[in-house]
Amino acid sequence: MHKIVLLDKPRENPGELDWSALQELGQVTFYEHTTPDQAAKRIGDADIVLLNKTVLSADTLRQCKNLKFISVIATGYNTVDIECCKELGIQVSNVPSYGTEAISQHAIALLMELTNRVAHHDAEVRKGRKNGPTDWCFWDYSIMELEGKTAGIIGLGRIGKISARILSAFGMNILAHDTFRDPTWENETCHYTDLETLYAKSDVIMLHCPLFESNTHMICKESIAKMKDGVILINNSRGGLVVDQDLADALNCGKIAAAGLDAIEVEPISMDNPLLQAKNCVITPHISWAALECRQRLQKIAIENVRGYLAGQCINIVI
């Protein structure tokens, strides 16, 4: 019987996800959370490992003599030393797409909060606030209409294309930057462009790109200086794309009008992070992926990866 270890489950609410399908594939040991120094001992002589955020270094992998297959319960697999896995002949799979629609939906939700300030004004109404006895409305922020504005999308992949479709429905023009250009998306309101042009012309910038060494800290004081004054920034991709202090400085001086963030470079966010005190900054706790439907899909595909490996028909292979 195959020995399977699940080192850390993606965060879930009690009773929502059933892991019995995994238990049908072998002898399974479950852990809620595993630190890097616990990983080798917990894997032991298991041949199959599933993980979400646990770090598997080269040193850890070399201690796991029987390990043959890793199913990453996520799209990103940067927590696993891929080069070492190649060296040791360990196959690695991931879940390439499970929350595309919901992640785009959350990006749009962040934008809507910044353009309409629904939560703030709801709170003020509940306090009994009004502008005198007869005035029926008030607002504390400038409310922004998106019709006719320009959205710059950095990363026009699966998620970026859904955001582009939604923003186009608002009447926005789309400028896109991506290393791969899909000509079917070029039309009168959607154009590919270079980063310099995107920064200079966008009223809203959305980050929908993966994090690589080449684009780490791409949003910094130098790139911010190239942006249109009063731009809105949305990042629910990877926190490492942004220099926190530089973004906070730009928010506080008004160069960037507002930012909506669901990813911070160091998570959970430290209470001394300058973005917590920055003006017009909405931060959510990395929940773009957290719709129940996404988590069910994530789990199902990760288990299917294991089933495919056992059948000799590997799917979603990274290496």
Protein backbone atom coordinates (compact mmCIF):
# COMPACT_ATOMS: atom_id res chain seq x y z
CA MET A 1 0.00 0.00 0.00
CA HIS A 2 1.25 3.45 -0.88
CA LYS A 3 2.13 5.73 2.01
CA ILE A 4 0.74 9.21 1.51
CA VAL A 5 1.43 12.23 3.70
CA LEU A 6 -0.55 15.47 3.52
CA LEU A 7 1.75 18.00 5.18
CA ASP A 8 -0.66 20.91 5.37
CA LYS A 9 -4.24 21.33 4.26
CA PRO A 10 -5.29 24.51 2.50
CA ARG A 11 -7.28 26.55 4.99
CA GLU A 12 -10.85 25.30 5.16
CA ASN A 13 -13.87 25.65 7.39
CA PRO A 14 -14.68 22.58 9.51
CA GLY A 15 -16.66 19.96 7.65
CA GLU A 16 -16.64 21.69 4.25
CA LEU A 17 -14.14 19.42 2.50
CA ASP A 18 -14.07 15.63 2.61
CA TRP A 19 -10.67 13.98 2.13
CA SER A 20 -11.98 10.41 1.98
CA ALA A 21 -11.20 10.20 -1.77
CA LEU A 22 -7.50 10.52 -0.92
CA GLN A 23 -7.74 7.82 1.71
CA GLU A 24 -8.97 5.42 -0.95
CA LEU A 25 -5.58 5.67 -2.66
CA GLY A 26 -3.34 4.56 0.19
CA GLN A 27 -2.43 4.88 3.84
CA VAL A 28 -2.77 8.60 4.53
CA THR A 29 -1.36 10.66 7.38
CA PHE A 30 -2.81 14.15 7.73
CA TYR A 31 -1.19 17.22 9.26
CA GLU A 32 -2.83 20.61 9.60
CA HIS A 33 0.49 22.48 9.46
CA THR A 34 4.13 21.49 8.99
CA THR A 35 7.18 23.67 9.52
CA PRO A 36 10.25 23.16 7.29
CA ASP A 37 12.21 21.48 10.09
CA GLN A 38 9.37 19.00 10.69
CA ALA A 39 8.90 18.01 7.06
CA ALA A 40 11.55 15.30 6.61
CA LYS A 41 10.55 13.41 9.75
CA ARG A 42 6.85 13.58 8.89
CA ILE A 43 7.40 12.40 5.33
CA GLY A 44 9.52 9.49 6.58
CA ASP A 45 9.31 6.59 4.13
CA ALA A 46 6.21 7.89 2.33
CA ASP A 47 6.33 7.76 -1.46
CA ILE A 48 3.67 10.41 -2.07
CA VAL A 49 3.37 13.85 -0.49
CA LEU A 50 0.69 16.51 -0.82
CA LEU A 51 1.34 20.04 0.41
CA ASN A 52 0.02 23.53 0.20
CA LYS A 53 2.50 25.97 1.74
CA THR A 54 5.07 23.71 3.43
CA VAL A 55 8.62 24.40 2.25
CA LEU A 56 10.56 21.40 0.92
CA SER A 57 14.22 22.34 0.62
CA ALA A 58 16.91 20.32 -1.10
CA ASP A 59 18.17 19.15 2.28
CA THR A 60 14.69 17.92 3.25
CA LEU A 61 14.13 16.18 -0.08
CA ARG A 62 17.45 14.32 0.14
CA GLN A 63 16.41 12.87 3.49
CA CYS A 64 13.21 11.42 2.02
CA LYS A 65 14.69 8.36 0.29
CA ASN A 66 11.37 6.82 -0.76
CA LEU A 67 9.67 9.97 -2.04
CA LYS A 68 8.57 9.65 -5.68
CA PHE A 69 5.73 12.11 -6.21
CA ILE A 70 4.65 15.52 -4.86
CA SER A 71 1.21 16.98 -5.50
CA VAL A 72 1.21 20.70 -4.70
CA ILE A 73 -2.29 21.78 -3.65
CA ALA A 74 -1.84 25.17 -5.28
CA THR A 75 -0.86 26.75 -8.57
CA GLY A 76 2.45 28.14 -7.32
CA TYR A 77 5.13 25.57 -6.50
CA ASN A 78 7.97 27.86 -5.42
CA THR A 79 8.02 26.24 -1.96
CA VAL A 80 9.46 23.05 -3.49
CA ASP A 81 13.09 22.89 -4.65
CA ILE A 82 12.33 21.90 -8.22
CA GLU A 83 15.96 21.52 -9.30
CA CYS A 84 16.57 19.05 -6.49
CA CYS A 85 13.44 17.13 -7.46
CA LYS A 86 14.81 16.85 -11.02
CA GLU A 87 18.08 15.56 -9.64
CA LEU A 88 16.36 12.96 -7.45
CA GLY A 89 13.76 11.92 -10.02
CA ILE A 90 10.82 13.11 -7.94
CA GLN A 91 7.83 14.10 -10.05
CA VAL A 92 5.92 17.24 -9.08
CA SER A 93 2.43 18.28 -10.10
CA ASN A 94 0.37 21.35 -9.29
CA VAL A 95 -3.16 22.64 -9.78
CA PRO A 96 -2.79 25.00 -12.74
CA SER A 97 -6.27 26.50 -12.66
CA TYR A 98 -8.89 26.24 -9.97
CA GLY A 99 -9.95 29.75 -8.99
CA THR A 100 -9.65 31.82 -12.14
CA GLU A 101 -13.13 33.34 -12.02
CA ALA A 102 -13.16 33.92 -8.26
CA ILE A 103 -9.71 35.53 -8.22
CA SER A 104 -10.77 37.96 -10.92
CA GLN A 105 -14.02 38.55 -9.03
CA HIS A 106 -12.03 39.53 -5.94
CA ALA A 107 -9.88 41.94 -7.94
CA ILE A 108 -13.03 43.61 -9.21
CA ALA A 109 -14.45 43.67 -5.66
CA LEU A 110 -11.36 45.51 -4.44
CA LEU A 111 -11.71 48.00 -7.29
CA MET A 112 -15.42 48.55 -6.57
CA GLU A 113 -14.68 49.22 -2.92
CA LEU A 114 -12.13 51.86 -3.87
CA THR A 115 -14.32 53.56 -6.48
CA ASN A 116 -17.59 53.51 -4.49
CA ARG A 117 -16.55 53.14 -0.80
CA VAL A 118 -19.57 51.02 0.01
CA ALA A 119 -18.28 49.68 3.34
CA HIS A 120 -17.36 53.12 4.66
CA HIS A 121 -20.67 54.73 3.79
CA ASP A 122 -22.64 51.78 5.13
CA ALA A 123 -20.83 52.22 8.46
CA GLU A 124 -21.61 55.95 8.49
CA VAL A 125 -25.31 55.36 7.79
CA ARG A 126 -25.46 52.88 10.65
CA LYS A 127 -24.03 55.55 12.96
CA GLY A 128 -27.10 57.67 12.17
CA ARG A 129 -25.09 60.25 10.28
CA LYS A 130 -26.81 62.63 7.87
CA ASN A 131 -26.22 66.06 6.37
CA GLY A 132 -28.81 67.98 8.30
CA PRO A 133 -32.51 67.17 8.74
CA THR A 134 -33.47 67.21 5.05
CA ASP A 135 -30.33 66.38 3.06
CA TRP A 136 -30.66 62.75 2.02
CA CYS A 137 -27.10 62.00 0.89
CA PHE A 138 -23.47 62.57 1.79
CA TRP A 139 -20.12 61.20 0.71
CA ASP A 140 -16.65 61.31 2.21
CA TYR A 141 -14.68 60.13 -0.82
CA SER A 142 -14.74 61.08 -4.45
CA ILE A 143 -16.79 58.41 -6.20
CA MET A 144 -15.26 57.36 -9.51
CA GLU A 145 -17.06 56.33 -12.69
CA LEU A 146 -15.15 53.71 -14.71
CA GLU A 147 -16.81 54.35 -18.07
CA GLY A 148 -14.20 55.66 -20.50
CA LYS A 149 -11.26 55.15 -18.15
CA THR A 150 -8.23 53.01 -19.00
CA ALA A 151 -7.33 49.80 -17.16
CA GLY A 152 -3.79 48.52 -17.41
CA ILE A 153 -3.61 44.76 -16.85
CA ILE A 154 -0.15 43.32 -16.24
CA GLY A 155 -0.54 39.65 -17.05
CA LEU A 156 -3.26 38.89 -19.58
CA GLY A 157 -3.50 35.19 -18.80
CA ARG A 158 -6.55 33.26 -17.64
CA ILE A 159 -7.33 35.61 -14.74
CA GLY A 160 -6.32 38.79 -16.53
CA LYS A 161 -8.61 37.98 -19.45
CA ILE A 162 -11.62 37.59 -17.17
CA SER A 163 -10.83 40.91 -15.51
CA ALA A 164 -10.45 42.49 -18.96
CA ARG A 165 -13.85 41.15 -19.98
CA ILE A 166 -15.51 42.55 -16.86
CA LEU A 167 -13.77 45.91 -17.07
CA SER A 168 -14.72 46.16 -20.74
CA ALA A 169 -18.33 45.67 -19.68
CA PHE A 170 -17.93 48.77 -17.51
CA GLY A 171 -16.90 50.66 -20.64
CA MET A 172 -13.18 50.75 -19.84
CA ASN A 173 -10.40 50.62 -22.40
CA ILE A 174 -7.80 47.93 -21.78
CA LEU A 175 -4.04 48.17 -22.07
CA ALA A 176 -2.37 44.81 -21.52
CA HIS A 177 1.22 43.78 -20.94
CA ASP A 178 2.26 40.14 -21.19
CA THR A 179 5.25 38.19 -22.46
CA PHE A 180 2.81 36.12 -24.54
CA ARG A 181 0.44 38.01 -26.80
CA ASP A 182 -2.88 36.45 -27.76
CA PRO A 183 -3.88 38.17 -31.03
CA THR A 184 -7.53 37.19 -30.56
CA TRP A 185 -7.72 39.73 -27.71
CA GLU A 186 -6.59 42.68 -29.79
CA ASN A 187 -9.54 44.91 -30.71
CA GLU A 188 -10.60 48.54 -30.68
CA THR A 189 -10.77 48.66 -26.87
CA CYS A 190 -8.03 46.15 -25.89
CA HIS A 191 -4.40 46.56 -26.95
CA TYR A 192 -1.07 45.10 -25.88
CA THR A 193 1.58 47.61 -24.97
CA ASP A 194 4.87 48.05 -23.18
CA LEU A 195 5.06 48.73 -19.44
CA GLU A 196 6.13 52.35 -19.91
CA THR A 197 2.98 53.14 -21.89
CA LEU A 198 0.76 51.15 -19.54
CA TYR A 199 2.10 53.04 -16.51
CA ALA A 200 1.69 56.42 -18.18
CA LYS A 201 -1.85 55.98 -19.52
CA SER A 202 -3.69 53.74 -17.02
CA ASP A 203 -6.24 55.05 -14.55
CA VAL A 204 -6.36 51.62 -12.91
CA ILE A 205 -3.52 49.09 -12.85
CA MET A 206 -4.22 45.44 -12.04
CA LEU A 207 -1.46 42.93 -11.34
CA HIS A 208 -2.43 39.50 -12.64
CA CYS A 209 1.05 38.12 -13.28
CA PRO A 210 3.00 35.36 -11.52
CA LEU A 211 6.04 36.27 -9.44
CA PHE A 212 9.45 35.66 -10.96
CA GLU A 213 12.91 36.89 -10.08
CA SER A 214 12.69 39.20 -13.08
CA ASN A 215 9.56 41.05 -11.88
CA THR A 216 10.08 40.99 -8.10
CA HIS A 217 9.42 44.49 -6.73
CA MET A 218 8.34 45.75 -10.16
CA ILE A 219 6.01 48.23 -8.43
CA CYS A 220 8.54 50.49 -6.74
CA LYS A 221 9.32 54.19 -6.52
CA GLU A 222 10.88 54.18 -9.99
CA SER A 223 7.88 52.57 -11.72
CA ILE A 224 5.39 54.53 -9.61
CA ALA A 225 7.01 57.77 -10.81
CA LYS A 226 6.08 56.76 -14.38
CA MET A 227 2.40 56.28 -13.50
CA LYS A 228 -0.41 58.74 -14.06
CA ASP A 229 -1.14 60.85 -10.97
CA GLY A 230 -4.12 59.46 -9.07
CA VAL A 231 -3.90 55.91 -10.43
CA ILE A 232 -5.58 53.04 -8.55
CA LEU A 233 -3.49 49.89 -8.00
CA ILE A 234 -5.00 46.42 -7.49
CA ASN A 235 -2.80 43.48 -6.50
CA ASN A 236 -4.28 40.11 -5.64
CA SER A 237 -1.54 38.21 -7.40
CA ARG A 238 1.72 38.08 -5.41
CA GLY A 239 2.87 40.46 -2.70
CA GLY A 240 6.48 40.28 -3.86
CA LEU A 241 5.57 42.28 -6.96
CA VAL A 242 5.34 45.41 -4.80
CA VAL A 243 7.74 47.30 -2.54
CA ASP A 244 5.48 47.94 0.46
CA GLN A 245 7.21 51.11 1.67
CA ASP A 246 7.28 52.66 -1.79
CA LEU A 247 3.57 51.98 -2.28
CA ALA A 248 2.78 53.40 1.16
CA ASP A 249 4.76 56.56 0.37
CA ALA A 250 2.93 56.97 -2.94
CA LEU A 251 -0.45 56.55 -1.23
CA ASN A 252 0.38 59.03 1.50
CA CYS A 253 1.45 61.73 -0.95
CA GLY A 254 -1.46 61.07 -3.32
CA LYS A 255 0.60 59.94 -6.31
CA ILE A 256 -1.39 56.70 -6.12
CA ALA A 257 -4.98 57.53 -5.20
CA ALA A 258 -5.84 54.16 -3.70
CA ALA A 259 -4.70 50.55 -3.53
CA GLY A 260 -6.58 47.32 -3.09
CA LEU A 261 -4.39 44.44 -1.94
CA ASP A 262 -5.02 40.78 -1.24
CA ALA A 263 -1.35 39.78 -1.24
CA ILE A 264 1.51 41.16 0.85
CA GLU A 265 5.14 40.14 0.47
CA VAL A 266 5.39 38.80 4.03
CA GLU A 267 2.24 37.00 5.22
CA PRO A 268 0.59 37.17 7.61
CA ILE A 269 1.11 40.90 7.49
CA SER A 270 3.29 42.40 10.22
CA MET A 271 1.63 45.07 12.33
CA ASP A 272 4.49 47.43 11.53
CA ASN A 273 3.94 47.13 7.77
CA PRO A 274 3.66 50.71 6.46
CA LEU A 275 0.66 49.81 4.29
CA LEU A 276 -1.50 49.36 7.40
CA GLN A 277 -1.18 53.08 8.12
CA ALA A 278 -1.19 54.27 4.51
CA LYS A 279 -4.01 56.41 3.16
CA ASN A 280 -6.72 54.85 0.99
CA CYS A 281 -5.41 51.31 1.22
CA VAL A 282 -7.79 48.34 1.45
CA ILE A 283 -6.17 45.05 2.47
CA THR A 284 -7.83 41.64 2.59
CA PRO A 285 -6.16 38.52 4.06
CA HIS A 286 -5.26 36.63 0.86
CA ILE A 287 -8.79 35.33 0.27
CA SER A 288 -9.17 35.69 -3.50
CA TRP A 289 -8.97 31.91 -3.82
CA ALA A 290 -11.20 31.10 -0.85
CA ALA A 291 -14.61 30.60 -2.46
CA LEU A 292 -15.96 27.18 -1.47
CA GLU A 293 -16.18 26.18 -5.12
CA CYS A 294 -12.49 27.02 -5.59
CA ARG A 295 -11.39 25.00 -2.58
CA GLN A 296 -13.45 22.02 -3.68
CA ARG A 297 -11.90 22.22 -7.15
CA LEU A 298 -8.41 22.61 -5.71
CA GLN A 299 -8.78 19.52 -3.56
CA LYS A 300 -10.32 17.45 -6.34
CA ILE A 301 -7.57 18.24 -8.85
CA ALA A 302 -4.78 17.63 -6.33
CA ILE A 303 -6.21 14.19 -5.58
CA GLU A 304 -6.67 13.49 -9.29
CA ASN A 305 -2.97 14.27 -9.70
CA VAL A 306 -2.19 11.49 -7.23
CA ARG A 307 -4.61 9.12 -8.92
CA GLY A 308 -3.00 9.82 -12.30
CA TYR A 309 0.47 9.17 -10.90
CA LEU A 310 -0.61 5.82 -9.45
CA ALA A 311 -2.14 4.86 -12.79
CA GLY A 312 1.07 5.75 -14.63
CA GLN A 313 -0.64 8.64 -16.41
CA CYS A 314 0.67 11.75 -14.70
CA ILE A 315 -1.23 14.98 -15.20
CA ASN A 316 -0.46 18.63 -14.41
CA ILE A 317 3.22 17.79 -14.19
CA VAL A 318 5.59 20.63 -13.40
CA ILE A 319 8.63 18.37 -13.86
